[in-house]
Amino acid sequence: MLARRKAREFALQFLFSEEFRNTKDLNKDLNIFKKNFEIDNDVFSYTEEIVHGVFENQSTIDKLIEDNLKSWKLDRISHVERNILRLSIYEIIFKKIDPVPFKASINEALEIAKKFGNTESSRFINGILDQIAKTAHP
């Protein structure tokens, strides 16, 4: 389980950094990221899966987030919180091979939010993910 947590944290860091760049070659950027952080192959494999999954489904994921915000727009959410939501929603909704139980994905998102976000991040993220999970897994 520790490997998956590390992979999620690396995915968050990669997704965060990509928001400030105009990615031309996602695979090249991922390989540079892997070298810079000296990421183990097993950890990198899951990091790569999350990143590709988020990028492939980002417009739908972002719409799900916006649909569950109250009086907020997606661009008002911090970059960290937005990308934690994205990676968790990918796991909850779109990950078909070796699916992650939605409660486990939410718990992981909350732990990552405590590490990388602010004092309110985990409560905010929990509220959004709980609503999305209830809709996806009634």
N, C-alpha and C. Protein backbone atom coordinates (compact mmCIF):
# COMPACT_ATOMS: atom_id res chain seq x y z
N MET A 1 0.83 -1.20 0.00
CA MET A 1 0.00 0.00 0.00
C MET A 1 0.86 1.25 0.00
N LEU A 2 2.01 1.17 0.61
CA LEU A 2 2.91 2.32 0.65
C LEU A 2 3.33 2.74 -0.75
N ALA A 3 3.52 1.77 -1.64
CA ALA A 3 3.92 2.09 -3.02
C ALA A 3 2.82 2.88 -3.72
N ARG A 4 1.57 2.51 -3.50
CA ARG A 4 0.47 3.26 -4.13
C ARG A 4 0.37 4.67 -3.56
N ARG A 5 0.59 4.82 -2.27
CA ARG A 5 0.57 6.17 -1.68
C ARG A 5 1.65 7.03 -2.32
N LYS A 6 2.86 6.47 -2.43
CA LYS A 6 3.95 7.22 -3.05
C LYS A 6 3.59 7.56 -4.49
N ALA A 7 3.00 6.62 -5.22
CA ALA A 7 2.61 6.86 -6.61
C ALA A 7 1.59 7.99 -6.69
N ARG A 8 0.64 8.00 -5.78
CA ARG A 8 -0.37 9.08 -5.77
C ARG A 8 0.29 10.42 -5.46
N GLU A 9 1.21 10.43 -4.53
CA GLU A 9 1.90 11.67 -4.20
C GLU A 9 2.72 12.17 -5.39
N PHE A 10 3.42 11.26 -6.07
CA PHE A 10 4.16 11.67 -7.26
C PHE A 10 3.21 12.14 -8.36
N ALA A 11 2.07 11.46 -8.52
CA ALA A 11 1.09 11.88 -9.52
C ALA A 11 0.59 13.30 -9.21
N LEU A 12 0.32 13.56 -7.94
CA LEU A 12 -0.10 14.90 -7.53
C LEU A 12 0.96 15.93 -7.90
N GLN A 13 2.20 15.63 -7.58
CA GLN A 13 3.28 16.58 -7.87
C GLN A 13 3.42 16.81 -9.38
N PHE A 14 3.30 15.73 -10.15
CA PHE A 14 3.41 15.86 -11.60
C PHE A 14 2.23 16.67 -12.15
N LEU A 15 1.01 16.32 -11.76
CA LEU A 15 -0.17 17.03 -12.24
C LEU A 15 -0.12 18.51 -11.85
N PHE A 16 0.33 18.78 -10.63
CA PHE A 16 0.48 20.15 -10.17
C PHE A 16 1.44 20.91 -11.09
N SER A 17 2.59 20.33 -11.36
CA SER A 17 3.60 21.02 -12.17
C SER A 17 3.12 21.21 -13.61
N GLU A 18 2.35 20.27 -14.11
CA GLU A 18 1.87 20.36 -15.49
C GLU A 18 0.86 21.49 -15.68
N GLU A 19 0.22 21.93 -14.61
CA GLU A 19 -0.72 23.05 -14.73
C GLU A 19 -0.02 24.34 -15.12
N PHE A 20 1.28 24.40 -14.90
CA PHE A 20 2.04 25.61 -15.20
C PHE A 20 2.82 25.50 -16.50
N ARG A 21 2.61 24.39 -17.19
CA ARG A 21 3.32 24.16 -18.45
C ARG A 21 2.32 23.80 -19.53
N ASN A 22 2.73 23.96 -20.75
CA ASN A 22 1.90 23.54 -21.88
C ASN A 22 2.51 22.24 -22.40
N THR A 23 2.02 21.12 -21.91
CA THR A 23 2.60 19.82 -22.21
C THR A 23 2.47 19.49 -23.69
N LYS A 24 3.59 19.18 -24.28
CA LYS A 24 3.61 18.75 -25.67
C LYS A 24 3.78 17.24 -25.76
N ASP A 25 4.56 16.68 -24.86
CA ASP A 25 4.86 15.26 -24.88
C ASP A 25 4.78 14.72 -23.46
N LEU A 26 3.62 14.22 -23.11
CA LEU A 26 3.36 13.75 -21.75
C LEU A 26 4.33 12.65 -21.34
N ASN A 27 4.57 11.70 -22.22
CA ASN A 27 5.47 10.58 -21.88
C ASN A 27 6.90 11.06 -21.64
N LYS A 28 7.35 12.00 -22.45
CA LYS A 28 8.70 12.55 -22.26
C LYS A 28 8.78 13.26 -20.91
N ASP A 29 7.77 14.07 -20.60
CA ASP A 29 7.74 14.79 -19.32
C ASP A 29 7.72 13.82 -18.14
N LEU A 30 6.95 12.73 -18.28
CA LEU A 30 6.91 11.73 -17.21
C LEU A 30 8.26 11.06 -17.01
N ASN A 31 8.95 10.76 -18.09
CA ASN A 31 10.26 10.12 -17.97
C ASN A 31 11.29 11.06 -17.34
N ILE A 32 11.23 12.33 -17.68
CA ILE A 32 12.12 13.31 -17.05
C ILE A 32 11.80 13.39 -15.55
N PHE A 33 10.52 13.42 -15.24
CA PHE A 33 10.07 13.46 -13.84
C PHE A 33 10.59 12.23 -13.09
N LYS A 34 10.48 11.05 -13.71
CA LYS A 34 10.95 9.80 -13.09
C LYS A 34 12.44 9.87 -12.79
N LYS A 35 13.21 10.36 -13.74
CA LYS A 35 14.66 10.46 -13.54
C LYS A 35 15.01 11.46 -12.44
N ASN A 36 14.34 12.61 -12.46
CA ASN A 36 14.63 13.65 -11.47
C ASN A 36 14.33 13.21 -10.04
N PHE A 37 13.28 12.42 -9.88
CA PHE A 37 12.90 11.98 -8.54
C PHE A 37 13.36 10.56 -8.22
N GLU A 38 14.03 9.93 -9.17
CA GLU A 38 14.54 8.57 -9.00
C GLU A 38 13.44 7.64 -8.47
N ILE A 39 12.35 7.58 -9.22
CA ILE A 39 11.18 6.81 -8.81
C ILE A 39 11.35 5.34 -9.20
N ASP A 40 11.10 4.47 -8.24
CA ASP A 40 11.11 3.03 -8.44
C ASP A 40 10.11 2.65 -9.55
N ASN A 41 10.41 1.60 -10.32
CA ASN A 41 9.58 1.22 -11.46
C ASN A 41 8.14 0.88 -11.08
N ASP A 42 7.92 0.16 -9.97
CA ASP A 42 6.56 -0.18 -9.55
C ASP A 42 5.77 1.07 -9.18
N VAL A 43 6.40 1.95 -8.46
CA VAL A 43 5.75 3.21 -8.08
C VAL A 43 5.48 4.04 -9.33
N PHE A 44 6.45 4.12 -10.21
CA PHE A 44 6.29 4.91 -11.42
C PHE A 44 5.17 4.37 -12.31
N SER A 45 5.03 3.08 -12.37
CA SER A 45 3.99 2.47 -13.20
C SER A 45 2.60 2.97 -12.78
N TYR A 46 2.35 3.01 -11.48
CA TYR A 46 1.04 3.49 -11.01
C TYR A 46 0.93 5.01 -11.15
N THR A 47 2.02 5.71 -10.92
CA THR A 47 2.02 7.17 -11.13
C THR A 47 1.63 7.47 -12.57
N GLU A 48 2.25 6.77 -13.48
CA GLU A 48 2.00 6.96 -14.92
C GLU A 48 0.54 6.64 -15.27
N GLU A 49 0.01 5.57 -14.69
CA GLU A 49 -1.39 5.21 -14.95
C GLU A 49 -2.33 6.33 -14.49
N ILE A 50 -2.09 6.84 -13.30
CA ILE A 50 -2.94 7.92 -12.78
C ILE A 50 -2.85 9.15 -13.68
N VAL A 51 -1.64 9.56 -14.01
CA VAL A 51 -1.45 10.76 -14.83
C VAL A 51 -2.14 10.61 -16.17
N HIS A 52 -1.92 9.50 -16.84
CA HIS A 52 -2.58 9.28 -18.14
C HIS A 52 -4.10 9.25 -17.98
N GLY A 53 -4.57 8.58 -16.94
CA GLY A 53 -6.01 8.52 -16.70
C GLY A 53 -6.62 9.87 -16.46
N VAL A 54 -5.94 10.70 -15.69
CA VAL A 54 -6.45 12.06 -15.44
C VAL A 54 -6.44 12.87 -16.73
N PHE A 55 -5.35 12.82 -17.48
CA PHE A 55 -5.27 13.59 -18.72
C PHE A 55 -6.33 13.15 -19.73
N GLU A 56 -6.55 11.84 -19.84
CA GLU A 56 -7.53 11.33 -20.80
C GLU A 56 -8.96 11.68 -20.43
N ASN A 57 -9.23 11.85 -19.16
CA ASN A 57 -10.59 12.09 -18.68
C ASN A 57 -10.78 13.45 -18.02
N GLN A 58 -9.82 14.35 -18.21
CA GLN A 58 -9.80 15.59 -17.44
C GLN A 58 -11.05 16.45 -17.63
N SER A 59 -11.56 16.56 -18.83
CA SER A 59 -12.74 17.42 -19.01
C SER A 59 -13.94 16.86 -18.25
N THR A 60 -14.12 15.55 -18.26
CA THR A 60 -15.23 14.94 -17.52
C THR A 60 -14.99 15.04 -16.02
N ILE A 61 -13.76 14.80 -15.60
CA ILE A 61 -13.41 14.92 -14.17
C ILE A 61 -13.65 16.34 -13.68
N ASP A 62 -13.19 17.32 -14.44
CA ASP A 62 -13.37 18.72 -14.03
C ASP A 62 -14.84 19.10 -13.98
N LYS A 63 -15.64 18.57 -14.90
CA LYS A 63 -17.08 18.84 -14.89
C LYS A 63 -17.71 18.24 -13.63
N LEU A 64 -17.30 17.04 -13.25
CA LEU A 64 -17.81 16.43 -12.02
C LEU A 64 -17.48 17.28 -10.80
N ILE A 65 -16.26 17.80 -10.77
CA ILE A 65 -15.87 18.66 -9.65
C ILE A 65 -16.75 19.90 -9.63
N GLU A 66 -16.84 20.58 -10.76
CA GLU A 66 -17.65 21.81 -10.81
C GLU A 66 -19.11 21.57 -10.46
N ASP A 67 -19.65 20.44 -10.91
CA ASP A 67 -21.04 20.12 -10.60
C ASP A 67 -21.28 19.93 -9.11
N ASN A 68 -20.24 19.65 -8.36
CA ASN A 68 -20.37 19.41 -6.93
C ASN A 68 -19.85 20.55 -6.07
N LEU A 69 -19.50 21.65 -6.69
CA LEU A 69 -19.09 22.84 -5.96
C LEU A 69 -20.30 23.70 -5.69
N LYS A 70 -20.31 24.35 -4.57
CA LYS A 70 -21.40 25.26 -4.25
C LYS A 70 -20.86 26.69 -4.33
N SER A 71 -21.33 27.44 -5.30
CA SER A 71 -20.95 28.84 -5.49
C SER A 71 -19.45 29.03 -5.74
N TRP A 72 -18.82 28.04 -6.34
CA TRP A 72 -17.39 28.13 -6.66
C TRP A 72 -17.19 27.70 -8.10
N LYS A 73 -16.10 28.12 -8.64
CA LYS A 73 -15.65 27.67 -9.96
C LYS A 73 -14.37 26.87 -9.77
N LEU A 74 -14.09 25.99 -10.71
CA LEU A 74 -12.93 25.12 -10.62
C LEU A 74 -11.63 25.90 -10.45
N ASP A 75 -11.50 27.02 -11.14
CA ASP A 75 -10.25 27.78 -11.08
C ASP A 75 -10.05 28.51 -9.75
N ARG A 76 -11.05 28.49 -8.88
CA ARG A 76 -10.89 29.10 -7.55
C ARG A 76 -10.34 28.12 -6.53
N ILE A 77 -10.33 26.84 -6.88
CA ILE A 77 -9.79 25.82 -5.98
C ILE A 77 -8.26 25.85 -6.11
N SER A 78 -7.57 25.64 -5.01
CA SER A 78 -6.11 25.63 -5.07
C SER A 78 -5.63 24.53 -6.03
N HIS A 79 -4.47 24.73 -6.59
CA HIS A 79 -3.90 23.75 -7.53
C HIS A 79 -3.73 22.39 -6.84
N VAL A 80 -3.33 22.40 -5.59
CA VAL A 80 -3.13 21.14 -4.86
C VAL A 80 -4.47 20.42 -4.70
N GLU A 81 -5.47 21.11 -4.18
CA GLU A 81 -6.77 20.48 -3.97
C GLU A 81 -7.39 20.00 -5.28
N ARG A 82 -7.30 20.80 -6.31
CA ARG A 82 -7.85 20.45 -7.62
C ARG A 82 -7.24 19.14 -8.13
N ASN A 83 -5.93 19.01 -7.99
CA ASN A 83 -5.26 17.82 -8.51
C ASN A 83 -5.43 16.59 -7.62
N ILE A 84 -5.59 16.79 -6.33
CA ILE A 84 -5.94 15.66 -5.46
C ILE A 84 -7.32 15.15 -5.85
N LEU A 85 -8.26 16.05 -6.05
CA LEU A 85 -9.60 15.66 -6.50
C LEU A 85 -9.52 14.91 -7.82
N ARG A 86 -8.76 15.43 -8.76
CA ARG A 86 -8.66 14.79 -10.07
C ARG A 86 -8.15 13.36 -9.97
N LEU A 87 -7.08 13.16 -9.23
CA LEU A 87 -6.51 11.80 -9.17
C LEU A 87 -7.45 10.84 -8.45
N SER A 88 -8.11 11.31 -7.41
CA SER A 88 -9.04 10.44 -6.70
C SER A 88 -10.27 10.12 -7.54
N ILE A 89 -10.78 11.11 -8.24
CA ILE A 89 -11.95 10.87 -9.11
C ILE A 89 -11.58 9.91 -10.23
N TYR A 90 -10.38 10.02 -10.74
CA TYR A 90 -9.94 9.03 -11.73
C TYR A 90 -10.06 7.63 -11.14
N GLU A 91 -9.56 7.45 -9.92
CA GLU A 91 -9.62 6.12 -9.30
C GLU A 91 -11.06 5.68 -9.02
N ILE A 92 -11.88 6.58 -8.56
CA ILE A 92 -13.26 6.24 -8.18
C ILE A 92 -14.12 5.93 -9.40
N ILE A 93 -13.97 6.69 -10.47
CA ILE A 93 -14.88 6.60 -11.61
C ILE A 93 -14.29 5.85 -12.81
N PHE A 94 -13.04 6.14 -13.14
CA PHE A 94 -12.50 5.70 -14.43
C PHE A 94 -11.55 4.52 -14.38
N LYS A 95 -10.99 4.19 -13.25
CA LYS A 95 -10.02 3.09 -13.17
C LYS A 95 -10.77 1.77 -13.26
N LYS A 96 -10.61 1.07 -14.37
CA LYS A 96 -11.34 -0.18 -14.60
C LYS A 96 -10.51 -1.42 -14.31
N ILE A 97 -9.22 -1.37 -14.59
CA ILE A 97 -8.34 -2.51 -14.32
C ILE A 97 -7.83 -2.38 -12.90
N ASP A 98 -8.00 -3.44 -12.12
CA ASP A 98 -7.58 -3.43 -10.72
C ASP A 98 -8.17 -2.20 -10.00
N PRO A 99 -9.50 -2.10 -9.98
CA PRO A 99 -10.14 -0.91 -9.38
C PRO A 99 -9.81 -0.75 -7.90
N VAL A 100 -9.83 0.49 -7.48
CA VAL A 100 -9.56 0.85 -6.09
C VAL A 100 -10.92 1.06 -5.42
N PRO A 101 -11.18 0.44 -4.26
CA PRO A 101 -12.44 0.72 -3.56
C PRO A 101 -12.55 2.24 -3.30
N PHE A 102 -13.73 2.79 -3.57
CA PHE A 102 -13.87 4.25 -3.49
C PHE A 102 -13.55 4.78 -2.10
N LYS A 103 -13.85 4.03 -1.06
CA LYS A 103 -13.54 4.49 0.30
C LYS A 103 -12.03 4.56 0.51
N ALA A 104 -11.32 3.62 -0.06
CA ALA A 104 -9.84 3.63 0.05
C ALA A 104 -9.27 4.82 -0.71
N SER A 105 -9.81 5.10 -1.88
CA SER A 105 -9.32 6.23 -2.66
C SER A 105 -9.59 7.55 -1.94
N ILE A 106 -10.76 7.67 -1.35
CA ILE A 106 -11.08 8.89 -0.60
C ILE A 106 -10.15 9.03 0.60
N ASN A 107 -9.94 7.95 1.32
CA ASN A 107 -9.04 8.00 2.48
C ASN A 107 -7.63 8.41 2.06
N GLU A 108 -7.15 7.85 0.96
CA GLU A 108 -5.82 8.23 0.46
C GLU A 108 -5.79 9.71 0.10
N ALA A 109 -6.83 10.19 -0.56
CA ALA A 109 -6.89 11.61 -0.93
C ALA A 109 -6.83 12.49 0.31
N LEU A 110 -7.52 12.09 1.37
CA LEU A 110 -7.52 12.89 2.60
C LEU A 110 -6.15 12.91 3.26
N GLU A 111 -5.48 11.77 3.26
CA GLU A 111 -4.13 11.72 3.84
C GLU A 111 -3.15 12.57 3.02
N ILE A 112 -3.27 12.53 1.72
CA ILE A 112 -2.40 13.34 0.86
C ILE A 112 -2.72 14.82 1.05
N ALA A 113 -4.00 15.14 1.21
CA ALA A 113 -4.40 16.53 1.44
C ALA A 113 -3.82 17.06 2.75
N LYS A 114 -3.77 16.22 3.77
CA LYS A 114 -3.19 16.63 5.05
C LYS A 114 -1.70 16.93 4.91
N LYS A 115 -1.05 16.20 4.02
CA LYS A 115 0.39 16.38 3.82
C LYS A 115 0.71 17.57 2.92
N PHE A 116 -0.06 17.75 1.84
CA PHE A 116 0.28 18.76 0.83
C PHE A 116 -0.63 19.99 0.84
N GLY A 117 -1.79 19.89 1.46
CA GLY A 117 -2.74 21.00 1.45
C GLY A 117 -2.65 21.86 2.68
N ASN A 118 -3.69 22.64 2.89
CA ASN A 118 -3.76 23.49 4.09
C ASN A 118 -4.65 22.82 5.13
N THR A 119 -4.92 23.51 6.21
CA THR A 119 -5.66 22.90 7.32
C THR A 119 -7.10 22.53 6.96
N GLU A 120 -7.68 23.18 5.97
CA GLU A 120 -9.06 22.90 5.57
C GLU A 120 -9.16 21.98 4.35
N SER A 121 -8.05 21.66 3.73
CA SER A 121 -8.08 20.90 2.48
C SER A 121 -8.78 19.56 2.61
N SER A 122 -8.48 18.82 3.65
CA SER A 122 -9.05 17.48 3.76
C SER A 122 -10.57 17.53 3.93
N ARG A 123 -11.08 18.49 4.68
CA ARG A 123 -12.54 18.62 4.84
C ARG A 123 -13.21 18.98 3.52
N PHE A 124 -12.61 19.91 2.80
CA PHE A 124 -13.15 20.33 1.51
C PHE A 124 -13.16 19.16 0.53
N ILE A 125 -12.03 18.48 0.42
CA ILE A 125 -11.89 17.36 -0.52
C ILE A 125 -12.85 16.23 -0.14
N ASN A 126 -12.97 15.95 1.15
CA ASN A 126 -13.89 14.90 1.60
C ASN A 126 -15.32 15.20 1.17
N GLY A 127 -15.74 16.44 1.31
CA GLY A 127 -17.11 16.81 0.93
C GLY A 127 -17.38 16.58 -0.55
N ILE A 128 -16.45 17.00 -1.39
CA ILE A 128 -16.62 16.84 -2.84
C ILE A 128 -16.59 15.36 -3.22
N LEU A 129 -15.58 14.64 -2.73
CA LEU A 129 -15.44 13.22 -3.10
C LEU A 129 -16.60 12.39 -2.57
N ASP A 130 -17.09 12.71 -1.40
CA ASP A 130 -18.22 11.98 -0.83
C ASP A 130 -19.44 12.11 -1.74
N GLN A 131 -19.71 13.32 -2.21
CA GLN A 131 -20.86 13.54 -3.11
C GLN A 131 -20.68 12.77 -4.42
N ILE A 132 -19.48 12.81 -4.98
CA ILE A 132 -19.23 12.12 -6.24
C ILE A 132 -19.33 10.61 -6.06
N ALA A 133 -18.78 10.10 -4.97
CA ALA A 133 -18.84 8.65 -4.70
C ALA A 133 -20.27 8.18 -4.50
N LYS A 134 -21.09 8.97 -3.82
CA LYS A 134 -22.49 8.59 -3.60
C LYS A 134 -23.24 8.48 -4.92
N THR A 135 -22.91 9.35 -5.86
CA THR A 135 -23.55 9.30 -7.16
C THR A 135 -23.03 8.12 -7.98
N ALA A 136 -21.73 7.89 -7.93
CA ALA A 136 -21.11 6.83 -8.73
C ALA A 136 -21.35 5.43 -8.14
N HIS A 137 -21.47 5.35 -6.82
CA HIS A 137 -21.62 4.06 -6.14
C HIS A 137 -22.79 4.12 -5.15
N PRO A 138 -24.01 4.21 -5.69
CA PRO A 138 -25.18 4.37 -4.78
C PRO A 138 -25.40 3.19 -3.86
